[in-house]
Amino acid sequence: MKTVFSGIQPSGKLTIGNYIGAIKNFVKLQDDYKCNFVIVDLHAITVPQDPEALREQSEAVATLYIAAGIDPSKSNVYMQSHVPQHAELGWLLTTLTSMGELERMTQFKDKSAGKDSVGAGLFVYPSLMAADILLFNTDLVPVGEDQKQHLELARDIAGRFNHRFGNYFTIPEPYIPEVGARIMSLDDASKKMSKSNPNEGSYIALLDPPDVIRKKISRATTDSGREVKYDPANKPEVSNLIGIYSQISGLSVAEVEQRYEGQMYGPFKKDLAEVVVSVLEPLQQKYREIRESGEIRNILREGAERAGEIAAKNLKEIQHLMGFLPRG
């Protein structure tokens, strides 16, 4: 079986965009691939974090993974910091990465823009991401548009290592699902729905109560027209809502259009809210059960143990190829 790796930072709230664009696909992938779904807390601290909030959000994200259908008996779900080989390989790969490559990373430019002081961790972030992926000789990486550049760097680093030290690393490929990869903001369809958006009305969080979901969807931006029609170029906001409806309900876009032919936005939005609530309420109930049981700590420990065994073996081989003396 081929290997899949994906990491998500425990900062901000997971949204329905994360669910549709990523987590739903993770649940499908785990039946056909060896999967590592990692909460990348070492990446999170490249910008300042409140320690208590980081602990809470780390556990919340891990629990949401399980509540959404990721099976810990099939996939390794763990904290990045619990497998120290991530950080160790991150340093080794940093020595194979040029300043110029890191300076060209658009995400670094965006996050550092206008700041008087920027941490070195944010600068070398892509080398650690490369280590996350390459540590397991990953074949496929589910990746959004904002991370494509980082994956390309990981591929370059892998090729550089193989050329210098021998053919060891698998060159990872992006995995981009045909549908559901990009859900846009509820208040501005030109921007991706993001858990870091300061406007809470712009996204639906997976743990939003039903009444909050209904209110957010009722207030979602549409346009001055009346037709429930999928036309991203001319009706981007309405098209985004239709896309959400389609992905959550399982109906095709055409079926959604047909269902609301001749109706205005009000009934469409009302029904969309109920469709979203019907999917998220069971997920939220499962989330509460897992949190109350304390089960997530055992899941994370067992996931880290399994991943750690593979990581330790692979890092030992990598160190040997680079010329390090063996321990003991």
C-alpha atoms as a PDB file:
ATOM      1  CA  MET A   1       0.000   0.000   0.000  1.00  0.00           C
ATOM      2  CA  LYS A   2       1.189   3.485  -0.782  1.00  0.00           C
ATOM      3  CA  THR A   3       1.687   6.015   2.016  1.00  0.00           C
ATOM      4  CA  VAL A   4      -0.264   9.243   2.531  1.00  0.00           C
ATOM      5  CA  PHE A   5       0.805  12.080   4.840  1.00  0.00           C
ATOM      6  CA  SER A   6      -1.190  15.139   5.808  1.00  0.00           C
ATOM      7  CA  GLY A   7      -0.708  17.638   8.620  1.00  0.00           C
ATOM      8  CA  ILE A   8      -2.973  20.295  10.047  1.00  0.00           C
ATOM      9  CA  GLN A   9      -2.016  23.035  12.484  1.00  0.00           C
ATOM     10  CA  PRO A  10      -3.862  23.201  15.821  1.00  0.00           C
ATOM     11  CA  SER A  11      -4.551  26.910  15.498  1.00  0.00           C
ATOM     12  CA  GLY A  12      -8.015  28.337  14.983  1.00  0.00           C
ATOM     13  CA  LYS A  13     -11.198  26.351  14.490  1.00  0.00           C
ATOM     14  CA  LEU A  14     -11.678  23.620  11.901  1.00  0.00           C
ATOM     15  CA  THR A  15     -14.331  24.676   9.402  1.00  0.00           C
ATOM     16  CA  ILE A  16     -16.754  23.007   7.062  1.00  0.00           C
ATOM     17  CA  GLY A  17     -14.210  23.913   4.376  1.00  0.00           C
ATOM     18  CA  ASN A  18     -11.645  21.704   6.117  1.00  0.00           C
ATOM     19  CA  TYR A  19     -14.251  18.947   6.344  1.00  0.00           C
ATOM     20  CA  ILE A  20     -15.321  19.067   2.688  1.00  0.00           C
ATOM     21  CA  GLY A  21     -11.910  19.814   1.209  1.00  0.00           C
ATOM     22  CA  ALA A  22      -9.818  17.501   3.356  1.00  0.00           C
ATOM     23  CA  ILE A  23     -11.281  15.371   6.145  1.00  0.00           C
ATOM     24  CA  LYS A  24     -14.009  13.723   4.021  1.00  0.00           C
ATOM     25  CA  ASN A  25     -11.297  12.639   1.594  1.00  0.00           C
ATOM     26  CA  PHE A  26      -9.068  11.402   4.422  1.00  0.00           C
ATOM     27  CA  VAL A  27     -11.825   9.053   5.532  1.00  0.00           C
ATOM     28  CA  LYS A  28     -11.942   7.564   2.016  1.00  0.00           C
ATOM     29  CA  LEU A  29      -8.157   7.368   1.622  1.00  0.00           C
ATOM     30  CA  GLN A  30      -7.627   5.303   4.783  1.00  0.00           C
ATOM     31  CA  ASP A  31      -9.183   2.222   3.167  1.00  0.00           C
ATOM     32  CA  ASP A  32      -6.633   2.103   0.340  1.00  0.00           C
ATOM     33  CA  TYR A  33      -3.479   3.724   1.750  1.00  0.00           C
ATOM     34  CA  LYS A  34      -1.238   3.713   4.811  1.00  0.00           C
ATOM     35  CA  CYS A  35      -2.176   7.093   6.266  1.00  0.00           C
ATOM     36  CA  ASN A  36      -0.528   9.473   8.721  1.00  0.00           C
ATOM     37  CA  PHE A  37      -2.832  12.309   9.758  1.00  0.00           C
ATOM     38  CA  VAL A  38      -0.771  14.523  12.021  1.00  0.00           C
ATOM     39  CA  ILE A  39      -1.522  17.550  14.184  1.00  0.00           C
ATOM     40  CA  VAL A  40       1.560  19.633  13.420  1.00  0.00           C
ATOM     41  CA  ASP A  41       2.071  21.528  16.669  1.00  0.00           C
ATOM     42  CA  LEU A  42       5.745  22.215  15.899  1.00  0.00           C
ATOM     43  CA  HIS A  43       4.604  24.214  12.878  1.00  0.00           C
ATOM     44  CA  ALA A  44       2.034  26.059  14.968  1.00  0.00           C
ATOM     45  CA  ILE A  45       4.697  27.619  17.201  1.00  0.00           C
ATOM     46  CA  THR A  46       6.409  29.341  14.275  1.00  0.00           C
ATOM     47  CA  VAL A  47       4.076  32.175  15.291  1.00  0.00           C
ATOM     48  CA  PRO A  48       3.245  33.059  18.927  1.00  0.00           C
ATOM     49  CA  GLN A  49       0.750  30.730  20.644  1.00  0.00           C
ATOM     50  CA  ASP A  50      -0.937  30.828  24.032  1.00  0.00           C
ATOM     51  CA  PRO A  51       0.220  27.563  25.697  1.00  0.00           C
ATOM     52  CA  GLU A  52      -3.138  26.654  27.211  1.00  0.00           C
ATOM     53  CA  ALA A  53      -4.973  27.426  23.970  1.00  0.00           C
ATOM     54  CA  LEU A  54      -2.455  25.337  22.016  1.00  0.00           C
ATOM     55  CA  ARG A  55      -3.029  22.321  24.276  1.00  0.00           C
ATOM     56  CA  GLU A  56      -6.814  22.663  24.055  1.00  0.00           C
ATOM     57  CA  GLN A  57      -6.879  23.139  20.298  1.00  0.00           C
ATOM     58  CA  SER A  58      -4.448  20.245  19.724  1.00  0.00           C
ATOM     59  CA  GLU A  59      -6.778  17.852  21.522  1.00  0.00           C
ATOM     60  CA  ALA A  60      -9.836  19.362  19.818  1.00  0.00           C
ATOM     61  CA  VAL A  61      -8.427  18.916  16.308  1.00  0.00           C
ATOM     62  CA  ALA A  62      -7.391  15.323  16.993  1.00  0.00           C
ATOM     63  CA  THR A  63     -10.831  14.544  18.402  1.00  0.00           C
ATOM     64  CA  LEU A  64     -12.569  16.092  15.398  1.00  0.00           C
ATOM     65  CA  TYR A  65     -10.548  13.837  13.102  1.00  0.00           C
ATOM     66  CA  ILE A  66     -11.853  10.763  14.909  1.00  0.00           C
ATOM     67  CA  ALA A  67     -15.398  12.100  15.233  1.00  0.00           C
ATOM     68  CA  ALA A  68     -15.474  12.774  11.485  1.00  0.00           C
ATOM     69  CA  GLY A  69     -14.665   9.160  10.666  1.00  0.00           C
ATOM     70  CA  ILE A  70     -10.898   8.705  10.667  1.00  0.00           C
ATOM     71  CA  ASP A  71     -10.320   5.243  12.113  1.00  0.00           C
ATOM     72  CA  PRO A  72      -7.277   5.075  14.448  1.00  0.00           C
ATOM     73  CA  SER A  73      -6.993   1.336  13.776  1.00  0.00           C
ATOM     74  CA  LYS A  74      -6.371   2.135  10.081  1.00  0.00           C
ATOM     75  CA  SER A  75      -4.582   5.497  10.261  1.00  0.00           C
ATOM     76  CA  ASN A  76      -1.905   6.952  12.523  1.00  0.00           C
ATOM     77  CA  VAL A  77      -3.301  10.060  14.215  1.00  0.00           C
ATOM     78  CA  TYR A  78      -0.732  11.734  16.470  1.00  0.00           C
ATOM     79  CA  MET A  79       0.945  14.935  17.581  1.00  0.00           C
ATOM     80  CA  GLN A  80       3.998  15.926  15.555  1.00  0.00           C
ATOM     81  CA  SER A  81       5.925  16.766  18.741  1.00  0.00           C
ATOM     82  CA  HIS A  82       5.363  13.204  20.067  1.00  0.00           C
ATOM     83  CA  VAL A  83       7.576  11.771  17.295  1.00  0.00           C
ATOM     84  CA  PRO A  84      10.887  13.620  17.741  1.00  0.00           C
ATOM     85  CA  GLN A  85      12.275  12.311  14.453  1.00  0.00           C
ATOM     86  CA  HIS A  86      10.203  14.986  12.697  1.00  0.00           C
ATOM     87  CA  ALA A  87      12.270  17.748  14.292  1.00  0.00           C
ATOM     88  CA  GLU A  88      15.580  15.897  13.915  1.00  0.00           C
ATOM     89  CA  LEU A  89      15.091  15.240  10.216  1.00  0.00           C
ATOM     90  CA  GLY A  90      13.840  18.810   9.883  1.00  0.00           C
ATOM     91  CA  TRP A  91      17.253  20.063  10.983  1.00  0.00           C
ATOM     92  CA  LEU A  92      19.097  17.673   8.652  1.00  0.00           C
ATOM     93  CA  LEU A  93      17.036  18.833   5.668  1.00  0.00           C
ATOM     94  CA  THR A  94      17.477  22.486   6.607  1.00  0.00           C
ATOM     95  CA  THR A  95      21.183  21.971   5.872  1.00  0.00           C
ATOM     96  CA  LEU A  96      20.216  20.883   2.343  1.00  0.00           C
ATOM     97  CA  THR A  97      17.941  23.892   1.739  1.00  0.00           C
ATOM     98  CA  SER A  98      19.238  27.197   0.381  1.00  0.00           C
ATOM     99  CA  MET A  99      18.371  30.646   1.716  1.00  0.00           C
ATOM    100  CA  GLY A 100      17.166  31.603  -1.745  1.00  0.00           C
ATOM    101  CA  GLU A 101      14.647  28.763  -1.835  1.00  0.00           C
ATOM    102  CA  LEU A 102      13.213  29.738   1.524  1.00  0.00           C
ATOM    103  CA  GLU A 103      13.095  33.430   0.619  1.00  0.00           C
ATOM    104  CA  ARG A 104      10.962  32.607  -2.421  1.00  0.00           C
ATOM    105  CA  MET A 105       8.235  30.931  -0.365  1.00  0.00           C
ATOM    106  CA  THR A 106       5.110  33.071  -0.814  1.00  0.00           C
ATOM    107  CA  GLN A 107       3.601  31.963   2.498  1.00  0.00           C
ATOM    108  CA  PHE A 108       6.643  33.294   4.367  1.00  0.00           C
ATOM    109  CA  LYS A 109       6.329  36.577   2.489  1.00  0.00           C
ATOM    110  CA  ASP A 110       2.644  36.824   3.389  1.00  0.00           C
ATOM    111  CA  LYS A 111       3.054  35.966   7.081  1.00  0.00           C
ATOM    112  CA  SER A 112       6.096  38.190   7.577  1.00  0.00           C
ATOM    113  CA  ALA A 113       4.778  41.200   5.660  1.00  0.00           C
ATOM    114  CA  GLY A 114       4.752  44.387   7.731  1.00  0.00           C
ATOM    115  CA  LYS A 115       6.292  42.802  10.832  1.00  0.00           C
ATOM    116  CA  ASP A 116       9.312  44.312  12.559  1.00  0.00           C
ATOM    117  CA  SER A 117      10.551  40.938  13.793  1.00  0.00           C
ATOM    118  CA  VAL A 118      10.065  37.502  12.251  1.00  0.00           C
ATOM    119  CA  GLY A 119      11.140  34.266  13.908  1.00  0.00           C
ATOM    120  CA  ALA A 120      13.661  32.013  12.176  1.00  0.00           C
ATOM    121  CA  GLY A 121      11.241  29.116  12.649  1.00  0.00           C
ATOM    122  CA  LEU A 122       8.787  30.694  10.213  1.00  0.00           C
ATOM    123  CA  PHE A 123      11.592  31.039   7.686  1.00  0.00           C
ATOM    124  CA  VAL A 124      12.686  27.373   7.851  1.00  0.00           C
ATOM    125  CA  TYR A 125       9.106  26.060   8.180  1.00  0.00           C
ATOM    126  CA  PRO A 126       9.210  24.500   4.659  1.00  0.00           C
ATOM    127  CA  SER A 127      12.231  22.344   5.560  1.00  0.00           C
ATOM    128  CA  LEU A 128      10.344  20.909   8.535  1.00  0.00           C
ATOM    129  CA  MET A 129       7.324  20.288   6.317  1.00  0.00           C
ATOM    130  CA  ALA A 130       9.596  18.449   3.895  1.00  0.00           C
ATOM    131  CA  ALA A 131      10.840  16.334   6.797  1.00  0.00           C
ATOM    132  CA  ASP A 132       7.267  15.514   7.849  1.00  0.00           C
ATOM    133  CA  ILE A 133       6.571  14.159   4.377  1.00  0.00           C
ATOM    134  CA  LEU A 134       9.875  12.483   3.571  1.00  0.00           C
ATOM    135  CA  LEU A 135      10.299  10.819   6.967  1.00  0.00           C
ATOM    136  CA  PHE A 136       7.762   8.176   5.936  1.00  0.00           C
ATOM    137  CA  ASN A 137       8.738   7.973   2.246  1.00  0.00           C
ATOM    138  CA  THR A 138       5.330   9.368   1.476  1.00  0.00           C
ATOM    139  CA  ASP A 139       3.831   8.727  -1.947  1.00  0.00           C
ATOM    140  CA  LEU A 140       0.862  11.111  -1.858  1.00  0.00           C
ATOM    141  CA  VAL A 141       0.266  14.398  -0.047  1.00  0.00           C
ATOM    142  CA  PRO A 142      -3.255  15.877   0.019  1.00  0.00           C
ATOM    143  CA  VAL A 143      -2.423  19.517  -0.546  1.00  0.00           C
ATOM    144  CA  GLY A 144      -4.228  22.793  -1.193  1.00  0.00           C
ATOM    145  CA  GLU A 145      -3.130  25.568  -3.503  1.00  0.00           C
ATOM    146  CA  ASP A 146      -1.479  27.425  -0.603  1.00  0.00           C
ATOM    147  CA  GLN A 147       0.867  24.509   0.128  1.00  0.00           C
ATOM    148  CA  LYS A 148       1.774  23.436  -3.408  1.00  0.00           C
ATOM    149  CA  GLN A 149       4.971  25.489  -3.353  1.00  0.00           C
ATOM    150  CA  HIS A 150       6.088  23.803  -0.121  1.00  0.00           C
ATOM    151  CA  LEU A 151       5.478  20.362  -1.620  1.00  0.00           C
ATOM    152  CA  GLU A 152       7.550  21.310  -4.663  1.00  0.00           C
ATOM    153  CA  LEU A 153      10.387  22.240  -2.316  1.00  0.00           C
ATOM    154  CA  ALA A 154      10.038  18.879  -0.539  1.00  0.00           C
ATOM    155  CA  ARG A 155      10.356  17.163  -3.911  1.00  0.00           C
ATOM    156  CA  ASP A 156      13.463  19.218  -4.725  1.00  0.00           C
ATOM    157  CA  ILE A 157      15.061  18.415  -1.368  1.00  0.00           C
ATOM    158  CA  ALA A 158      14.323  14.707  -1.808  1.00  0.00           C
ATOM    159  CA  GLY A 159      15.944  14.732  -5.226  1.00  0.00           C
ATOM    160  CA  ARG A 160      18.948  16.647  -3.892  1.00  0.00           C
ATOM    161  CA  PHE A 161      19.424  14.147  -1.055  1.00  0.00           C
ATOM    162  CA  ASN A 162      19.110  11.178  -3.407  1.00  0.00           C
ATOM    163  CA  HIS A 163      21.680  12.661  -5.778  1.00  0.00           C
ATOM    164  CA  ARG A 164      24.163  13.402  -3.003  1.00  0.00           C
ATOM    165  CA  PHE A 165      23.758  10.433  -0.657  1.00  0.00           C
ATOM    166  CA  GLY A 166      22.098   7.660  -2.650  1.00  0.00           C
ATOM    167  CA  ASN A 167      18.582   6.937  -3.850  1.00  0.00           C
ATOM    168  CA  TYR A 168      16.595   6.781  -0.603  1.00  0.00           C
ATOM    169  CA  PHE A 169      13.627   9.154  -0.540  1.00  0.00           C
ATOM    170  CA  THR A 170      10.411   8.591  -2.461  1.00  0.00           C
ATOM    171  CA  ILE A 171       9.550  11.687  -4.500  1.00  0.00           C
ATOM    172  CA  PRO A 172       6.092  12.639  -3.177  1.00  0.00           C
ATOM    173  CA  GLU A 173       3.215  13.518  -5.477  1.00  0.00           C
ATOM    174  CA  PRO A 174       0.324  15.897  -4.725  1.00  0.00           C
ATOM    175  CA  TYR A 175      -3.108  14.403  -4.168  1.00  0.00           C
ATOM    176  CA  ILE A 176      -5.802  16.860  -5.216  1.00  0.00           C
ATOM    177  CA  PRO A 177      -9.364  15.501  -5.259  1.00  0.00           C
ATOM    178  CA  GLU A 178     -11.488  16.402  -8.265  1.00  0.00           C
ATOM    179  CA  VAL A 179     -14.261  17.918  -6.130  1.00  0.00           C
ATOM    180  CA  GLY A 180     -14.566  19.574  -2.776  1.00  0.00           C
ATOM    181  CA  ALA A 181     -11.047  20.957  -2.645  1.00  0.00           C
ATOM    182  CA  ARG A 182     -11.901  24.613  -2.239  1.00  0.00           C
ATOM    183  CA  ILE A 183     -14.766  26.085  -0.219  1.00  0.00           C
ATOM    184  CA  MET A 184     -14.850  29.869  -0.170  1.00  0.00           C
ATOM    185  CA  SER A 185     -15.640  32.420   2.529  1.00  0.00           C
ATOM    186  CA  LEU A 186     -19.312  33.124   3.285  1.00  0.00           C
ATOM    187  CA  ASP A 187     -18.733  36.874   3.106  1.00  0.00           C
ATOM    188  CA  ASP A 188     -16.343  37.023   0.148  1.00  0.00           C
ATOM    189  CA  ALA A 189     -16.247  34.237  -2.443  1.00  0.00           C
ATOM    190  CA  SER A 190     -12.894  35.473  -3.764  1.00  0.00           C
ATOM    191  CA  LYS A 191     -11.222  34.202  -0.576  1.00  0.00           C
ATOM    192  CA  LYS A 192     -10.884  30.648   0.706  1.00  0.00           C
ATOM    193  CA  MET A 193     -12.892  29.810   3.835  1.00  0.00           C
ATOM    194  CA  SER A 194     -10.306  30.037   6.604  1.00  0.00           C
ATOM    195  CA  LYS A 195     -10.239  29.276  10.314  1.00  0.00           C
ATOM    196  CA  SER A 196      -7.844  32.221  10.721  1.00  0.00           C
ATOM    197  CA  ASN A 197     -10.327  34.790   9.354  1.00  0.00           C
ATOM    198  CA  PRO A 198     -11.098  37.258  12.180  1.00  0.00           C
ATOM    199  CA  ASN A 199     -14.695  37.551  10.940  1.00  0.00           C
ATOM    200  CA  GLU A 200     -16.444  34.537  12.481  1.00  0.00           C
ATOM    201  CA  GLY A 201     -19.371  35.034  10.121  1.00  0.00           C
ATOM    202  CA  SER A 202     -17.121  34.136   7.200  1.00  0.00           C
ATOM    203  CA  TYR A 203     -16.872  30.451   8.095  1.00  0.00           C
ATOM    204  CA  ILE A 204     -18.875  27.614   9.618  1.00  0.00           C
ATOM    205  CA  ALA A 205     -16.855  25.939  12.359  1.00  0.00           C
ATOM    206  CA  LEU A 206     -17.398  22.206  12.812  1.00  0.00           C
ATOM    207  CA  LEU A 207     -18.377  22.830  16.435  1.00  0.00           C
ATOM    208  CA  ASP A 208     -20.732  25.742  15.785  1.00  0.00           C
ATOM    209  CA  PRO A 209     -24.121  25.145  17.481  1.00  0.00           C
ATOM    210  CA  PRO A 210     -27.081  24.611  15.108  1.00  0.00           C
ATOM    211  CA  ASP A 211     -28.568  28.067  15.687  1.00  0.00           C
ATOM    212  CA  VAL A 212     -25.215  29.693  14.949  1.00  0.00           C
ATOM    213  CA  ILE A 213     -24.946  27.717  11.705  1.00  0.00           C
ATOM    214  CA  ARG A 214     -28.440  28.797  10.681  1.00  0.00           C
ATOM    215  CA  LYS A 215     -27.648  32.435  11.419  1.00  0.00           C
ATOM    216  CA  LYS A 216     -24.343  32.392   9.507  1.00  0.00           C
ATOM    217  CA  ILE A 217     -25.900  30.835   6.418  1.00  0.00           C
ATOM    218  CA  SER A 218     -28.888  33.196   6.507  1.00  0.00           C
ATOM    219  CA  ARG A 219     -26.453  36.123   6.535  1.00  0.00           C
ATOM    220  CA  ALA A 220     -24.105  34.684   3.882  1.00  0.00           C
ATOM    221  CA  THR A 221     -23.439  37.081   1.020  1.00  0.00           C
ATOM    222  CA  THR A 222     -25.326  36.387  -2.216  1.00  0.00           C
ATOM    223  CA  ASP A 223     -26.047  38.949  -4.953  1.00  0.00           C
ATOM    224  CA  SER A 224     -28.809  41.198  -6.234  1.00  0.00           C
ATOM    225  CA  GLY A 225     -30.265  38.440  -8.409  1.00  0.00           C
ATOM    226  CA  ARG A 226     -32.831  35.806  -7.516  1.00  0.00           C
ATOM    227  CA  GLU A 227     -31.839  32.679  -9.435  1.00  0.00           C
ATOM    228  CA  VAL A 228     -30.242  29.725  -7.609  1.00  0.00           C
ATOM    229  CA  LYS A 229     -27.781  28.979 -10.397  1.00  0.00           C
ATOM    230  CA  TYR A 230     -24.211  27.664 -10.435  1.00  0.00           C
ATOM    231  CA  ASP A 231     -22.171  30.282 -12.294  1.00  0.00           C
ATOM    232  CA  PRO A 232     -18.818  30.899 -10.544  1.00  0.00           C
ATOM    233  CA  ALA A 233     -17.816  33.708 -12.899  1.00  0.00           C
ATOM    234  CA  ASN A 234     -20.975  35.789 -12.538  1.00  0.00           C
ATOM    235  CA  LYS A 235     -22.513  34.463  -9.300  1.00  0.00           C
ATOM    236  CA  PRO A 236     -19.520  33.411  -7.161  1.00  0.00           C
ATOM    237  CA  GLU A 237     -21.220  33.685  -3.746  1.00  0.00           C
ATOM    238  CA  VAL A 238     -24.341  31.743  -4.759  1.00  0.00           C
ATOM    239  CA  SER A 239     -22.170  29.184  -6.562  1.00  0.00           C
ATOM    240  CA  ASN A 240     -20.133  28.696  -3.384  1.00  0.00           C
ATOM    241  CA  LEU A 241     -23.293  27.977  -1.388  1.00  0.00           C
ATOM    242  CA  ILE A 242     -24.487  25.540  -4.051  1.00  0.00           C
ATOM    243  CA  GLY A 243     -21.110  23.815  -3.869  1.00  0.00           C
ATOM    244  CA  ILE A 244     -21.426  23.427  -0.112  1.00  0.00           C
ATOM    245  CA  TYR A 245     -24.970  22.085  -0.500  1.00  0.00           C
ATOM    246  CA  SER A 246     -23.821  19.581  -3.134  1.00  0.00           C
ATOM    247  CA  GLN A 247     -20.838  18.332  -1.150  1.00  0.00           C
ATOM    248  CA  ILE A 248     -22.725  17.969   2.117  1.00  0.00           C
ATOM    249  CA  SER A 249     -25.941  16.460   0.700  1.00  0.00           C
ATOM    250  CA  GLY A 250     -24.444  14.212  -1.966  1.00  0.00           C
ATOM    251  CA  LEU A 251     -26.646  15.807  -4.640  1.00  0.00           C
ATOM    252  CA  SER A 252     -25.046  16.953  -7.875  1.00  0.00           C
ATOM    253  CA  VAL A 253     -24.858  20.665  -8.618  1.00  0.00           C
ATOM    254  CA  ALA A 254     -27.450  20.172 -11.359  1.00  0.00           C
ATOM    255  CA  GLU A 255     -29.800  18.449  -8.913  1.00  0.00           C
ATOM    256  CA  VAL A 256     -29.466  21.339  -6.460  1.00  0.00           C
ATOM    257  CA  GLU A 257     -30.218  23.841  -9.236  1.00  0.00           C
ATOM    258  CA  GLN A 258     -33.246  21.824 -10.334  1.00  0.00           C
ATOM    259  CA  ARG A 259     -34.573  21.540  -6.786  1.00  0.00           C
ATOM    260  CA  TYR A 260     -34.620  25.336  -6.371  1.00  0.00           C
ATOM    261  CA  GLU A 261     -35.626  26.311  -9.890  1.00  0.00           C
ATOM    262  CA  GLY A 262     -37.978  29.282  -9.720  1.00  0.00           C
ATOM    263  CA  GLN A 263     -37.333  29.832  -6.006  1.00  0.00           C
ATOM    264  CA  MET A 264     -35.492  32.698  -4.350  1.00  0.00           C
ATOM    265  CA  TYR A 265     -32.461  32.604  -2.072  1.00  0.00           C
ATOM    266  CA  GLY A 266     -34.440  32.469   1.190  1.00  0.00           C
ATOM    267  CA  PRO A 267     -35.788  28.903   0.911  1.00  0.00           C
ATOM    268  CA  PHE A 268     -32.473  27.720  -0.545  1.00  0.00           C
ATOM    269  CA  LYS A 269     -30.462  29.136   2.351  1.00  0.00           C
ATOM    270  CA  LYS A 270     -32.910  27.766   4.916  1.00  0.00           C
ATOM    271  CA  ASP A 271     -32.659  24.252   3.482  1.00  0.00           C
ATOM    272  CA  LEU A 272     -28.867  24.520   3.163  1.00  0.00           C
ATOM    273  CA  ALA A 273     -28.613  25.359   6.863  1.00  0.00           C
ATOM    274  CA  GLU A 274     -30.656  22.262   7.782  1.00  0.00           C
ATOM    275  CA  VAL A 275     -28.551  20.031   5.529  1.00  0.00           C
ATOM    276  CA  VAL A 276     -25.359  21.297   7.217  1.00  0.00           C
ATOM    277  CA  VAL A 277     -26.851  20.915  10.708  1.00  0.00           C
ATOM    278  CA  SER A 278     -27.966  17.344   9.935  1.00  0.00           C
ATOM    279  CA  VAL A 279     -24.358  16.392   9.077  1.00  0.00           C
ATOM    280  CA  LEU A 280     -22.588  18.299  11.848  1.00  0.00           C
ATOM    281  CA  GLU A 281     -24.877  17.425  14.780  1.00  0.00           C
ATOM    282  CA  PRO A 282     -23.886  13.696  14.835  1.00  0.00           C
ATOM    283  CA  LEU A 283     -20.226  14.663  14.414  1.00  0.00           C
ATOM    284  CA  GLN A 284     -20.505  17.072  17.356  1.00  0.00           C
ATOM    285  CA  GLN A 285     -22.171  14.421  19.526  1.00  0.00           C
ATOM    286  CA  LYS A 286     -19.369  11.958  18.743  1.00  0.00           C
ATOM    287  CA  TYR A 287     -16.824  14.692  19.496  1.00  0.00           C
ATOM    288  CA  ARG A 288     -18.332  15.293  22.941  1.00  0.00           C
ATOM    289  CA  GLU A 289     -18.356  11.567  23.730  1.00  0.00           C
ATOM    290  CA  ILE A 290     -14.684  11.172  22.837  1.00  0.00           C
ATOM    291  CA  ARG A 291     -13.607  14.256  24.801  1.00  0.00           C
ATOM    292  CA  GLU A 292     -15.547  13.199  27.885  1.00  0.00           C
ATOM    293  CA  SER A 293     -14.151   9.649  27.779  1.00  0.00           C
ATOM    294  CA  GLY A 294     -10.524  10.815  27.574  1.00  0.00           C
ATOM    295  CA  GLU A 295     -10.035   8.270  24.795  1.00  0.00           C
ATOM    296  CA  ILE A 296      -8.198  10.722  22.550  1.00  0.00           C
ATOM    297  CA  ARG A 297      -5.043  10.631  24.687  1.00  0.00           C
ATOM    298  CA  ASN A 298      -4.735   6.864  24.146  1.00  0.00           C
ATOM    299  CA  ILE A 299      -5.375   7.255  20.418  1.00  0.00           C
ATOM    300  CA  LEU A 300      -2.632   9.879  20.137  1.00  0.00           C
ATOM    301  CA  ARG A 301      -0.195   7.790  22.193  1.00  0.00           C
ATOM    302  CA  GLU A 302      -0.774   4.649  20.144  1.00  0.00           C
ATOM    303  CA  GLY A 303      -0.567   6.573  16.872  1.00  0.00           C
ATOM    304  CA  ALA A 304       2.743   8.137  17.931  1.00  0.00           C
ATOM    305  CA  GLU A 305       4.131   4.740  18.970  1.00  0.00           C
ATOM    306  CA  ARG A 306       3.339   3.159  15.600  1.00  0.00           C
ATOM    307  CA  ALA A 307       4.611   6.145  13.616  1.00  0.00           C
ATOM    308  CA  GLY A 308       7.647   6.443  15.883  1.00  0.00           C
ATOM    309  CA  GLU A 309       8.797   2.903  15.122  1.00  0.00           C
ATOM    310  CA  ILE A 310       8.836   3.628  11.399  1.00  0.00           C
ATOM    311  CA  ALA A 311      10.352   7.081  11.880  1.00  0.00           C
ATOM    312  CA  ALA A 312      13.189   5.789  14.095  1.00  0.00           C
ATOM    313  CA  LYS A 313      14.122   3.093  11.592  1.00  0.00           C
ATOM    314  CA  ASN A 314      14.054   5.488   8.647  1.00  0.00           C
ATOM    315  CA  LEU A 315      15.989   8.247  10.420  1.00  0.00           C
ATOM    316  CA  LYS A 316      18.711   5.759  11.385  1.00  0.00           C
ATOM    317  CA  GLU A 317      19.101   4.829   7.716  1.00  0.00           C
ATOM    318  CA  ILE A 318      19.140   8.489   6.668  1.00  0.00           C
ATOM    319  CA  GLN A 319      21.804   9.341   9.250  1.00  0.00           C
ATOM    320  CA  HIS A 320      23.945   6.422   8.064  1.00  0.00           C
ATOM    321  CA  LEU A 321      23.772   7.639   4.476  1.00  0.00           C
ATOM    322  CA  MET A 322      24.783  11.151   5.611  1.00  0.00           C
ATOM    323  CA  GLY A 323      27.836   9.844   7.477  1.00  0.00           C
ATOM    324  CA  PHE A 324      26.819   9.957  11.140  1.00  0.00           C
ATOM    325  CA  LEU A 325      28.267   7.463  13.578  1.00  0.00           C
ATOM    326  CA  PRO A 326      25.705   4.965  14.906  1.00  0.00           C
ATOM    327  CA  ARG A 327      24.591   5.295  18.527  1.00  0.00           C
ATOM    328  CA  GLY A 328      26.061   2.790  20.966  1.00  0.00           C
END
